[in-house]
Amino acid sequence: MTNGHLTETRIIAAKIYSCLPDNLKSEINLSDLQQAAMLHDYGKVLVPKEILNKKGALTPKEKEIMELHSEFGYELLKQQGVNERVLNLIKYHHQKPDGKGYPIIDNNYEYGISTQVLAVADMYSALREDRSYHKARTKKEALEIIFQETEKGAISKDVYKALETAVIQGA
């Protein structure tokens, strides 16, 4: 995790927000979204560096540990008085509308547009930078990967369109 990734995620989230239809914008608290973008990977401070920086695929156990970062961040930041809306964005930024992301959700969970914007901004930012396990993708490659998620129903077409507009037009 780098400060550059957090800042880029915040910028992309704000750009996606600016390109959304007004009816969806009205469902988002931009300040909460931007704060969550800057804190979404905070829990990675508790993930061992050898897992964070591993080249190549993680083992199932390593993946399980890595996937705890969103819950770690939630718990650490809850103790710091971060508001519940921001905490939930942090906790669920790897969740999917169908509940197939992580962490495991209960029946009270509602997948809101803010969570989806944060998830897409995080995904786009991660794809665009060099990581220990992959080279940076071009804008076009990153959009294609995210579009495939849209086709699977994991991302709404409105959020993808807003991302595409933001990236292509430099909103």
Protein backbone atom coordinates (compact mmCIF):
# COMPACT_ATOMS: atom_id res chain seq x y z
CA MET A 1 0.00 0.00 0.00
CA THR A 2 1.32 3.39 -0.90
CA ASN A 3 0.14 6.90 -0.18
CA GLY A 4 0.08 7.36 -3.95
CA HIS A 5 -2.50 4.59 -4.28
CA LEU A 6 -4.67 6.12 -1.57
CA THR A 7 -4.51 9.58 -3.10
CA GLU A 8 -5.18 8.22 -6.60
CA THR A 9 -8.15 6.22 -5.29
CA ARG A 10 -9.57 9.40 -3.71
CA ILE A 11 -9.10 11.37 -6.93
CA ILE A 12 -10.65 8.65 -9.11
CA ALA A 13 -13.59 8.26 -6.68
CA ALA A 14 -14.27 12.01 -6.87
CA LYS A 15 -14.04 11.94 -10.68
CA ILE A 16 -16.45 8.99 -10.86
CA TYR A 17 -18.81 10.89 -8.55
CA SER A 18 -18.66 13.97 -10.79
CA CYS A 19 -19.63 11.90 -13.84
CA LEU A 20 -22.57 10.06 -12.25
CA PRO A 21 -26.18 10.96 -13.03
CA ASP A 22 -27.63 13.41 -10.48
CA ASN A 23 -30.00 10.81 -9.00
CA LEU A 24 -27.00 8.64 -8.02
CA LYS A 25 -24.90 11.59 -6.84
CA SER A 26 -27.67 12.44 -4.39
CA GLU A 27 -27.10 9.05 -2.68
CA ILE A 28 -23.41 9.79 -2.00
CA ASN A 29 -21.79 11.88 0.70
CA LEU A 30 -18.68 13.00 -1.19
CA SER A 31 -16.77 13.88 1.98
CA ASP A 32 -17.35 10.40 3.43
CA LEU A 33 -16.40 8.80 0.12
CA GLN A 34 -13.14 10.74 -0.09
CA GLN A 35 -12.26 10.05 3.54
CA ALA A 36 -12.92 6.33 3.03
CA ALA A 37 -10.78 6.35 -0.13
CA MET A 38 -7.84 7.75 1.85
CA LEU A 39 -8.30 5.17 4.63
CA HIS A 40 -9.59 2.08 2.79
CA ASP A 41 -6.33 0.10 3.06
CA TYR A 42 -5.45 1.20 6.60
CA GLY A 43 -5.89 -2.37 7.84
CA LYS A 44 -2.94 -3.50 5.72
CA VAL A 45 -0.67 -2.27 8.52
CA LEU A 46 -1.58 -5.56 10.25
CA VAL A 47 -0.91 -7.76 7.20
CA PRO A 48 2.60 -9.28 7.19
CA LYS A 49 4.93 -7.58 4.71
CA GLU A 50 5.87 -10.91 3.13
CA ILE A 51 2.23 -11.32 2.09
CA LEU A 52 1.79 -7.68 1.01
CA ASN A 53 4.92 -7.74 -1.14
CA LYS A 54 4.79 -11.31 -2.41
CA LYS A 55 5.56 -11.75 -6.09
CA GLY A 56 3.00 -13.99 -7.74
CA ALA A 57 -0.16 -15.62 -6.47
CA LEU A 58 -0.98 -15.88 -2.80
CA THR A 59 -1.64 -19.25 -1.22
CA PRO A 60 -5.22 -19.79 0.02
CA LYS A 61 -4.08 -19.04 3.61
CA GLU A 62 -2.21 -15.88 2.53
CA LYS A 63 -5.27 -14.74 0.59
CA GLU A 64 -7.42 -15.31 3.66
CA ILE A 65 -5.05 -13.14 5.72
CA MET A 66 -4.93 -10.42 3.04
CA GLU A 67 -8.72 -10.33 2.86
CA LEU A 68 -8.86 -9.44 6.54
CA HIS A 69 -7.37 -5.99 5.86
CA SER A 70 -10.75 -4.35 5.37
CA GLU A 71 -12.03 -5.68 8.69
CA PHE A 72 -8.74 -4.76 10.41
CA GLY A 73 -9.08 -1.23 9.08
CA TYR A 74 -12.69 -1.04 10.25
CA GLU A 75 -11.75 -2.13 13.78
CA LEU A 76 -8.66 0.08 14.08
CA LEU A 77 -10.43 3.18 12.79
CA LYS A 78 -13.57 2.58 14.86
CA GLN A 79 -11.34 3.05 17.92
CA GLN A 80 -10.26 6.41 16.45
CA GLY A 81 -13.82 7.75 16.23
CA VAL A 82 -14.24 7.59 12.44
CA ASN A 83 -17.93 7.87 11.54
CA GLU A 84 -19.92 4.71 10.84
CA ARG A 85 -20.63 5.56 7.16
CA VAL A 86 -16.90 5.86 6.44
CA LEU A 87 -16.16 2.74 8.48
CA ASN A 88 -18.67 0.72 6.46
CA LEU A 89 -17.20 1.92 3.18
CA ILE A 90 -13.76 0.81 4.41
CA LYS A 91 -15.04 -2.55 5.63
CA TYR A 92 -16.98 -3.40 2.46
CA HIS A 93 -14.82 -1.91 -0.31
CA HIS A 94 -14.14 -5.43 -1.64
CA GLN A 95 -17.76 -6.53 -1.48
CA LYS A 96 -19.87 -7.18 -4.59
CA PRO A 97 -23.58 -6.49 -5.16
CA ASP A 98 -24.24 -10.26 -5.12
CA GLY A 99 -22.43 -10.70 -1.78
CA LYS A 100 -19.54 -12.64 -3.30
CA GLY A 101 -16.80 -10.30 -2.16
CA TYR A 102 -15.35 -10.02 1.31
CA PRO A 103 -15.85 -9.83 4.23
CA ILE A 104 -18.82 -12.17 4.60
CA ILE A 105 -21.99 -10.14 4.92
CA ASP A 106 -25.19 -10.63 6.84
CA ASN A 107 -28.78 -9.97 5.77
CA ASN A 108 -28.65 -6.37 7.06
CA TYR A 109 -25.94 -5.36 4.60
CA GLU A 110 -26.95 -2.94 1.84
CA TYR A 111 -24.61 -2.51 -1.09
CA GLY A 112 -24.82 1.21 -1.80
CA ILE A 113 -23.57 3.28 -4.68
CA SER A 114 -20.83 4.80 -2.48
CA THR A 115 -19.36 1.35 -1.81
CA GLN A 116 -19.39 0.59 -5.50
CA VAL A 117 -17.69 3.88 -6.44
CA LEU A 118 -14.96 3.24 -3.85
CA ALA A 119 -14.49 -0.36 -5.02
CA VAL A 120 -14.16 0.69 -8.67
CA ALA A 121 -11.80 3.59 -7.86
CA ASP A 122 -9.64 1.22 -5.80
CA MET A 123 -9.62 -1.39 -8.57
CA TYR A 124 -8.75 1.12 -11.27
CA SER A 125 -5.96 2.67 -9.18
CA ALA A 126 -4.49 -0.75 -8.34
CA LEU A 127 -4.57 -1.86 -11.96
CA ARG A 128 -2.80 1.30 -13.13
CA GLU A 129 0.20 0.91 -10.82
CA ASP A 130 3.07 -1.54 -10.63
CA ARG A 131 2.54 -4.09 -7.90
CA SER A 132 4.75 -6.94 -6.75
CA TYR A 133 2.37 -9.33 -8.52
CA HIS A 134 1.63 -7.42 -11.75
CA LYS A 135 2.89 -4.63 -14.01
CA ALA A 136 0.88 -1.45 -14.38
CA ARG A 137 -1.91 -1.68 -16.96
CA THR A 138 -2.68 1.02 -19.49
CA LYS A 139 -5.89 3.03 -19.10
CA LYS A 140 -7.46 0.95 -21.86
CA GLU A 141 -6.42 -2.37 -20.28
CA ALA A 142 -7.68 -1.32 -16.85
CA LEU A 143 -11.01 -0.22 -18.32
CA GLU A 144 -11.33 -3.53 -20.19
CA ILE A 145 -10.75 -5.54 -17.01
CA ILE A 146 -13.30 -3.47 -15.11
CA PHE A 147 -15.75 -3.71 -18.02
CA GLN A 148 -15.57 -7.51 -17.73
CA GLU A 149 -16.69 -7.15 -14.11
CA THR A 150 -19.57 -4.98 -15.32
CA GLU A 151 -20.59 -7.72 -17.76
CA LYS A 152 -20.67 -10.22 -14.87
CA GLY A 153 -22.98 -7.88 -12.92
CA ALA A 154 -20.31 -7.11 -10.30
CA ILE A 155 -20.34 -3.39 -11.18
CA SER A 156 -23.27 -1.27 -12.26
CA LYS A 157 -23.23 0.09 -15.79
CA ASP A 158 -23.74 3.62 -14.40
CA VAL A 159 -20.58 3.44 -12.27
CA TYR A 160 -18.56 1.93 -15.13
CA LYS A 161 -19.78 4.62 -17.53
CA ALA A 162 -18.85 7.32 -15.00
CA LEU A 163 -15.36 5.79 -14.63
CA GLU A 164 -14.93 5.55 -18.38
CA THR A 165 -16.02 9.16 -18.85
CA ALA A 166 -13.74 10.35 -16.05
CA VAL A 167 -10.73 8.48 -17.44
CA ILE A 168 -11.24 9.22 -21.11
CA GLN A 169 -12.33 12.84 -20.77
CA GLY A 170 -10.12 13.53 -17.77
CA ALA A 171 -13.05 14.84 -15.75
